[in-house]
C-alpha atoms as a PDB file:
ATOM      1  CA  UNK A   1      13.096  -0.763   7.799  1.00  0.00           C
ATOM      2  CA  UNK A   2       9.974   0.302   9.308  1.00  0.00           C
ATOM      3  CA  UNK A   3       9.486   3.270   6.908  1.00  0.00           C
ATOM      4  CA  UNK A   4       9.929   1.060   3.732  1.00  0.00           C
ATOM      5  CA  UNK A   5       7.591  -1.515   5.114  1.00  0.00           C
ATOM      6  CA  UNK A   6       4.968   1.274   5.786  1.00  0.00           C
ATOM      7  CA  UNK A   7       5.544   2.765   2.345  1.00  0.00           C
ATOM      8  CA  UNK A   8       4.973  -0.829   0.732  1.00  0.00           C
ATOM      9  CA  UNK A   9       1.781  -1.517   2.522  1.00  0.00           C
ATOM     10  CA  UNK A  10       0.345   1.735   1.957  1.00  0.00           C
ATOM     11  CA  UNK A  11       1.043   1.280  -1.996  1.00  0.00           C
ATOM     12  CA  UNK A  12      -0.411  -2.199  -1.819  1.00  0.00           C
ATOM     13  CA  UNK A  13      -3.305  -0.856   0.136  1.00  0.00           C
ATOM     14  CA  UNK A  14      -3.868   1.883  -2.555  1.00  0.00           C
ATOM     15  CA  UNK A  15      -3.696  -0.587  -5.434  1.00  0.00           C
ATOM     16  CA  UNK A  16      -6.338  -2.693  -3.731  1.00  0.00           C
ATOM     17  CA  UNK A  17      -8.633   0.294  -3.124  1.00  0.00           C
ATOM     18  CA  UNK A  18      -8.145   1.212  -6.906  1.00  0.00           C
ATOM     19  CA  UNK A  19      -8.768  -2.287  -7.903  1.00  0.00           C
ATOM     20  CA  UNK A  20     -12.106  -2.539  -5.778  1.00  0.00           C
ATOM     21  CA  UNK A  21     -13.458   0.709  -7.091  1.00  0.00           C
END
């Protein structure tokens, strides 16, 4: 579902930001 995909993408994006910071 779109909602699940969005949540997965958001989670990955957050992890990426934390990793970069």
